[in-house]
Amino acid sequence: MAIALAAARLQVKNRILVDTIVDGDDFAPEVFGGDAREALLNLADEQDEAASAMSMLRVKAWGRHSDPHGTHDYRDRDVRNLRRRAKQYTGVAKRLRLLAESDDDVHRIVEDARDAAWHDVENNIESRLRIEAMRPDDDPDYEKMREARMQALRLVDLERLSSDTKKRRSARDAAS
């Protein structure tokens, strides 16, 4: 369950980052609640598929007593463990579906995802401010790395700025 919930939070967090930062939309918990429900239900479907796969492997393993040829070449002695794994997958799927039906649980996932997204943004800003605010006399490798930074400025930053400017001009000319 912990892994499944972390996966759901990660999906919602990424959606929050894309919608709010890239697309410039406002944060709306009800919108992301739908994303959380969808993530939980998709993960539940994956768990059901895994349970089905374990059941099929259990049937194939039944009555086979020879030595296995690999890690996933199950034998009769593995049947009990495969049954247990199928039950676990089914139980996780059931629990995920219950969570998807609960407004409180969905809200909690969205809030946790929002907190994680904010933490990512906070760390990114803090890192950029620390790097961009650094003064040459604070960096012992300033002279050594200056040429690389200048080359990155010419090859990456200025190229990106030029490309963005051309796109804006094209869009403005098309709109005129």
C-alpha atoms as a PDB file:
ATOM      1  CA  MET A   1       0.000   0.000   0.000  1.00  0.00           C
ATOM      2  CA  ALA A   2       2.814   2.393   0.840  1.00  0.00           C
ATOM      3  CA  ILE A   3       4.348   2.000  -2.609  1.00  0.00           C
ATOM      4  CA  ALA A   4       0.985   2.356  -4.346  1.00  0.00           C
ATOM      5  CA  LEU A   5       0.129   5.502  -2.374  1.00  0.00           C
ATOM      6  CA  ALA A   6       3.548   6.977  -3.119  1.00  0.00           C
ATOM      7  CA  ALA A   7       2.987   6.283  -6.821  1.00  0.00           C
ATOM      8  CA  ALA A   8      -0.443   7.957  -6.721  1.00  0.00           C
ATOM      9  CA  ARG A   9       0.976  11.013  -4.906  1.00  0.00           C
ATOM     10  CA  LEU A  10       3.799  11.237  -7.441  1.00  0.00           C
ATOM     11  CA  GLN A  11       1.361  11.174 -10.374  1.00  0.00           C
ATOM     12  CA  VAL A  12      -0.774  13.897  -8.797  1.00  0.00           C
ATOM     13  CA  LYS A  13       2.305  15.946  -7.833  1.00  0.00           C
ATOM     14  CA  ASN A  14       3.579  15.851 -11.410  1.00  0.00           C
ATOM     15  CA  ARG A  15       0.155  16.889 -12.711  1.00  0.00           C
ATOM     16  CA  ILE A  16       0.063  19.789 -10.227  1.00  0.00           C
ATOM     17  CA  LEU A  17       3.509  20.948 -11.351  1.00  0.00           C
ATOM     18  CA  VAL A  18       2.610  20.766 -15.036  1.00  0.00           C
ATOM     19  CA  ASP A  19      -0.781  22.436 -14.698  1.00  0.00           C
ATOM     20  CA  THR A  20       0.264  25.212 -12.340  1.00  0.00           C
ATOM     21  CA  ILE A  21       3.783  25.992 -13.500  1.00  0.00           C
ATOM     22  CA  VAL A  22       3.895  25.013 -17.154  1.00  0.00           C
ATOM     23  CA  ASP A  23       0.287  25.802 -18.092  1.00  0.00           C
ATOM     24  CA  GLY A  24      -0.139  28.628 -15.582  1.00  0.00           C
ATOM     25  CA  ASP A  25      -3.419  27.285 -14.165  1.00  0.00           C
ATOM     26  CA  ASP A  26      -4.487  27.925 -10.586  1.00  0.00           C
ATOM     27  CA  PHE A  27      -4.369  25.133  -8.043  1.00  0.00           C
ATOM     28  CA  ALA A  28      -7.856  23.637  -7.697  1.00  0.00           C
ATOM     29  CA  PRO A  29      -8.087  20.699  -5.283  1.00  0.00           C
ATOM     30  CA  GLU A  30     -11.262  19.404  -6.913  1.00  0.00           C
ATOM     31  CA  VAL A  31      -9.544  19.117 -10.293  1.00  0.00           C
ATOM     32  CA  PHE A  32      -6.660  17.187  -8.844  1.00  0.00           C
ATOM     33  CA  GLY A  33      -9.067  15.049  -6.808  1.00  0.00           C
ATOM     34  CA  GLY A  34     -10.165  13.522 -10.103  1.00  0.00           C
ATOM     35  CA  ASP A  35      -6.535  12.860 -10.967  1.00  0.00           C
ATOM     36  CA  ALA A  36      -5.972  11.209  -7.595  1.00  0.00           C
ATOM     37  CA  ARG A  37      -9.023   8.967  -8.052  1.00  0.00           C
ATOM     38  CA  GLU A  38      -7.878   8.037 -11.547  1.00  0.00           C
ATOM     39  CA  ALA A  39      -4.368   7.232 -10.310  1.00  0.00           C
ATOM     40  CA  LEU A  40      -5.737   5.058  -7.494  1.00  0.00           C
ATOM     41  CA  LEU A  41      -8.076   3.188  -9.835  1.00  0.00           C
ATOM     42  CA  ASN A  42      -5.331   2.638 -12.419  1.00  0.00           C
ATOM     43  CA  LEU A  43      -3.056   1.280  -9.708  1.00  0.00           C
ATOM     44  CA  ALA A  44      -5.894  -0.965  -8.501  1.00  0.00           C
ATOM     45  CA  ASP A  45      -6.288  -2.318 -12.039  1.00  0.00           C
ATOM     46  CA  GLU A  46      -2.546  -3.038 -12.146  1.00  0.00           C
ATOM     47  CA  GLN A  47      -2.837  -4.934  -8.868  1.00  0.00           C
ATOM     48  CA  ASP A  48      -5.738  -6.976 -10.253  1.00  0.00           C
ATOM     49  CA  GLU A  49      -3.654  -7.830 -13.317  1.00  0.00           C
ATOM     50  CA  ALA A  50      -0.767  -8.885 -11.088  1.00  0.00           C
ATOM     51  CA  ALA A  51      -3.128 -11.063  -9.020  1.00  0.00           C
ATOM     52  CA  SER A  52      -4.390 -12.689 -12.197  1.00  0.00           C
ATOM     53  CA  ALA A  53      -0.830 -13.305 -13.375  1.00  0.00           C
ATOM     54  CA  MET A  54       0.038 -14.929 -10.029  1.00  0.00           C
ATOM     55  CA  SER A  55      -3.027 -17.160 -10.309  1.00  0.00           C
ATOM     56  CA  MET A  56      -2.031 -18.255 -13.804  1.00  0.00           C
ATOM     57  CA  LEU A  57       1.519 -18.958 -12.652  1.00  0.00           C
ATOM     58  CA  ARG A  58       0.131 -20.953  -9.722  1.00  0.00           C
ATOM     59  CA  VAL A  59      -1.920 -23.139 -12.074  1.00  0.00           C
ATOM     60  CA  LYS A  60       1.140 -23.722 -14.262  1.00  0.00           C
ATOM     61  CA  ALA A  61       3.286 -24.561 -11.233  1.00  0.00           C
ATOM     62  CA  TRP A  62       0.801 -27.061  -9.777  1.00  0.00           C
ATOM     63  CA  GLY A  63       2.166 -30.605  -9.996  1.00  0.00           C
ATOM     64  CA  ARG A  64       5.585 -29.626 -11.373  1.00  0.00           C
ATOM     65  CA  HIS A  65       8.268 -31.174  -9.187  1.00  0.00           C
ATOM     66  CA  SER A  66      11.427 -30.843 -11.287  1.00  0.00           C
ATOM     67  CA  ASP A  67      14.136 -28.272 -10.644  1.00  0.00           C
ATOM     68  CA  PRO A  68      13.344 -24.762 -11.915  1.00  0.00           C
ATOM     69  CA  HIS A  69      15.303 -23.311 -14.827  1.00  0.00           C
ATOM     70  CA  GLY A  70      15.191 -19.712 -13.613  1.00  0.00           C
ATOM     71  CA  THR A  71      13.855 -17.245 -11.106  1.00  0.00           C
ATOM     72  CA  HIS A  72      10.300 -17.181 -12.446  1.00  0.00           C
ATOM     73  CA  ASP A  73      10.068 -20.861 -13.362  1.00  0.00           C
ATOM     74  CA  TYR A  74       7.772 -21.834 -10.493  1.00  0.00           C
ATOM     75  CA  ARG A  75       7.200 -25.345  -9.200  1.00  0.00           C
ATOM     76  CA  ASP A  76       4.685 -27.096  -6.966  1.00  0.00           C
ATOM     77  CA  ARG A  77       6.525 -25.973  -3.847  1.00  0.00           C
ATOM     78  CA  ASP A  78       5.866 -22.329  -4.910  1.00  0.00           C
ATOM     79  CA  VAL A  79       2.081 -22.737  -5.187  1.00  0.00           C
ATOM     80  CA  ARG A  80       1.398 -21.607  -1.615  1.00  0.00           C
ATOM     81  CA  ASN A  81       3.549 -18.491  -2.004  1.00  0.00           C
ATOM     82  CA  LEU A  82       1.947 -17.650  -5.366  1.00  0.00           C
ATOM     83  CA  ARG A  83      -1.517 -17.954  -3.788  1.00  0.00           C
ATOM     84  CA  ARG A  84      -0.424 -15.629  -0.980  1.00  0.00           C
ATOM     85  CA  ARG A  85       0.953 -13.110  -3.476  1.00  0.00           C
ATOM     86  CA  ALA A  86      -2.267 -13.176  -5.504  1.00  0.00           C
ATOM     87  CA  LYS A  87      -4.253 -12.524  -2.313  1.00  0.00           C
ATOM     88  CA  GLN A  88      -1.959  -9.615  -1.452  1.00  0.00           C
ATOM     89  CA  TYR A  89      -2.409  -8.057  -4.882  1.00  0.00           C
ATOM     90  CA  THR A  90      -6.185  -8.490  -4.656  1.00  0.00           C
ATOM     91  CA  GLY A  91      -6.219  -6.952  -1.181  1.00  0.00           C
ATOM     92  CA  VAL A  92      -4.196  -3.953  -2.295  1.00  0.00           C
ATOM     93  CA  ALA A  93      -6.505  -3.451  -5.295  1.00  0.00           C
ATOM     94  CA  LYS A  94      -9.556  -3.573  -3.029  1.00  0.00           C
ATOM     95  CA  ARG A  95      -8.014  -1.080  -0.596  1.00  0.00           C
ATOM     96  CA  LEU A  96      -7.037   1.297  -3.430  1.00  0.00           C
ATOM     97  CA  ARG A  97     -10.605   1.259  -4.752  1.00  0.00           C
ATOM     98  CA  LEU A  98     -11.921   2.059  -1.271  1.00  0.00           C
ATOM     99  CA  LEU A  99      -9.497   4.969  -1.036  1.00  0.00           C
ATOM    100  CA  ALA A 100     -10.653   6.237  -4.440  1.00  0.00           C
ATOM    101  CA  GLU A 101     -14.249   6.293  -3.147  1.00  0.00           C
ATOM    102  CA  SER A 102     -13.346   8.259  -0.011  1.00  0.00           C
ATOM    103  CA  ASP A 103     -13.392  12.030  -0.408  1.00  0.00           C
ATOM    104  CA  ASP A 104     -11.248  12.426   2.716  1.00  0.00           C
ATOM    105  CA  ASP A 105      -8.563  10.024   1.481  1.00  0.00           C
ATOM    106  CA  VAL A 106      -8.521  11.590  -1.984  1.00  0.00           C
ATOM    107  CA  HIS A 107      -8.266  15.054  -0.416  1.00  0.00           C
ATOM    108  CA  ARG A 108      -5.360  13.861   1.755  1.00  0.00           C
ATOM    109  CA  ILE A 109      -3.521  12.509  -1.326  1.00  0.00           C
ATOM    110  CA  VAL A 110      -4.042  15.810  -3.165  1.00  0.00           C
ATOM    111  CA  GLU A 111      -2.793  17.809  -0.175  1.00  0.00           C
ATOM    112  CA  ASP A 112       0.247  15.551   0.217  1.00  0.00           C
ATOM    113  CA  ALA A 113       0.953  15.890  -3.520  1.00  0.00           C
ATOM    114  CA  ARG A 114       0.580  19.674  -3.310  1.00  0.00           C
ATOM    115  CA  ASP A 115       3.004  19.777  -0.381  1.00  0.00           C
ATOM    116  CA  ALA A 116       5.479  17.626  -2.332  1.00  0.00           C
ATOM    117  CA  ALA A 117       5.112  19.867  -5.407  1.00  0.00           C
ATOM    118  CA  TRP A 118       5.663  22.960  -3.302  1.00  0.00           C
ATOM    119  CA  HIS A 119       8.726  21.338  -1.729  1.00  0.00           C
ATOM    120  CA  ASP A 120      10.145  20.635  -5.204  1.00  0.00           C
ATOM    121  CA  VAL A 121       9.557  24.234  -6.273  1.00  0.00           C
ATOM    122  CA  GLU A 122      11.010  25.546  -3.020  1.00  0.00           C
ATOM    123  CA  ASN A 123      14.157  23.434  -3.411  1.00  0.00           C
ATOM    124  CA  ASN A 124      14.542  24.500  -7.028  1.00  0.00           C
ATOM    125  CA  ILE A 125      14.233  28.199  -6.197  1.00  0.00           C
ATOM    126  CA  GLU A 126      16.564  27.894  -3.233  1.00  0.00           C
ATOM    127  CA  SER A 127      19.137  26.093  -5.347  1.00  0.00           C
ATOM    128  CA  ARG A 128      18.910  28.639  -8.168  1.00  0.00           C
ATOM    129  CA  LEU A 129      19.173  31.573  -5.798  1.00  0.00           C
ATOM    130  CA  ARG A 130      22.200  30.076  -4.129  1.00  0.00           C
ATOM    131  CA  ILE A 131      23.902  29.467  -7.468  1.00  0.00           C
ATOM    132  CA  GLU A 132      22.861  32.697  -9.192  1.00  0.00           C
ATOM    133  CA  ALA A 133      23.555  34.807  -6.131  1.00  0.00           C
ATOM    134  CA  MET A 134      27.062  33.484  -5.695  1.00  0.00           C
ATOM    135  CA  ARG A 135      29.742  36.082  -6.042  1.00  0.00           C
ATOM    136  CA  PRO A 136      33.016  35.325  -7.826  1.00  0.00           C
ATOM    137  CA  ASP A 137      35.072  35.803  -4.688  1.00  0.00           C
ATOM    138  CA  ASP A 138      32.882  33.183  -2.882  1.00  0.00           C
ATOM    139  CA  ASP A 139      33.727  30.484  -5.410  1.00  0.00           C
ATOM    140  CA  PRO A 140      37.261  29.072  -5.269  1.00  0.00           C
ATOM    141  CA  ASP A 141      36.807  27.508  -8.728  1.00  0.00           C
ATOM    142  CA  TYR A 142      35.448  30.673 -10.348  1.00  0.00           C
ATOM    143  CA  GLU A 143      38.315  31.255 -12.745  1.00  0.00           C
ATOM    144  CA  LYS A 144      38.632  27.575 -13.604  1.00  0.00           C
ATOM    145  CA  MET A 145      34.924  27.230 -14.484  1.00  0.00           C
ATOM    146  CA  ARG A 146      34.440  30.654 -16.083  1.00  0.00           C
ATOM    147  CA  GLU A 147      35.122  29.472 -19.627  1.00  0.00           C
ATOM    148  CA  ALA A 148      32.652  26.588 -19.290  1.00  0.00           C
ATOM    149  CA  ARG A 149      29.969  28.945 -17.971  1.00  0.00           C
ATOM    150  CA  MET A 150      30.556  31.394 -20.808  1.00  0.00           C
ATOM    151  CA  GLN A 151      30.358  28.594 -23.354  1.00  0.00           C
ATOM    152  CA  ALA A 152      27.085  27.368 -21.798  1.00  0.00           C
ATOM    153  CA  LEU A 153      25.750  30.916 -21.956  1.00  0.00           C
ATOM    154  CA  ARG A 154      26.590  31.184 -25.659  1.00  0.00           C
ATOM    155  CA  LEU A 155      25.525  27.702 -26.726  1.00  0.00           C
ATOM    156  CA  VAL A 156      22.498  27.110 -24.506  1.00  0.00           C
ATOM    157  CA  ASP A 157      21.061  30.229 -22.921  1.00  0.00           C
ATOM    158  CA  LEU A 158      21.485  32.622 -25.828  1.00  0.00           C
ATOM    159  CA  GLU A 159      20.254  29.999 -28.315  1.00  0.00           C
ATOM    160  CA  ARG A 160      17.161  29.378 -26.183  1.00  0.00           C
ATOM    161  CA  LEU A 161      16.539  33.120 -25.865  1.00  0.00           C
ATOM    162  CA  SER A 162      16.878  33.545 -29.626  1.00  0.00           C
ATOM    163  CA  SER A 163      14.512  30.649 -30.294  1.00  0.00           C
ATOM    164  CA  ASP A 164      11.937  31.972 -27.823  1.00  0.00           C
ATOM    165  CA  THR A 165      12.130  35.441 -29.344  1.00  0.00           C
ATOM    166  CA  LYS A 166      11.562  34.044 -32.851  1.00  0.00           C
ATOM    167  CA  LYS A 167       8.556  32.028 -31.639  1.00  0.00           C
ATOM    168  CA  ARG A 168       7.023  35.091 -29.977  1.00  0.00           C
ATOM    169  CA  ARG A 169       7.566  37.169 -33.132  1.00  0.00           C
ATOM    170  CA  SER A 170       6.002  34.459 -35.283  1.00  0.00           C
ATOM    171  CA  ALA A 171       3.018  34.183 -32.953  1.00  0.00           C
ATOM    172  CA  ARG A 172       2.605  37.976 -32.849  1.00  0.00           C
ATOM    173  CA  ASP A 173       2.880  38.234 -36.658  1.00  0.00           C
ATOM    174  CA  ALA A 174       0.362  35.409 -37.091  1.00  0.00           C
ATOM    175  CA  ALA A 175      -2.069  37.128 -34.728  1.00  0.00           C
ATOM    176  CA  SER A 176      -1.762  40.459 -36.609  1.00  0.00           C
END
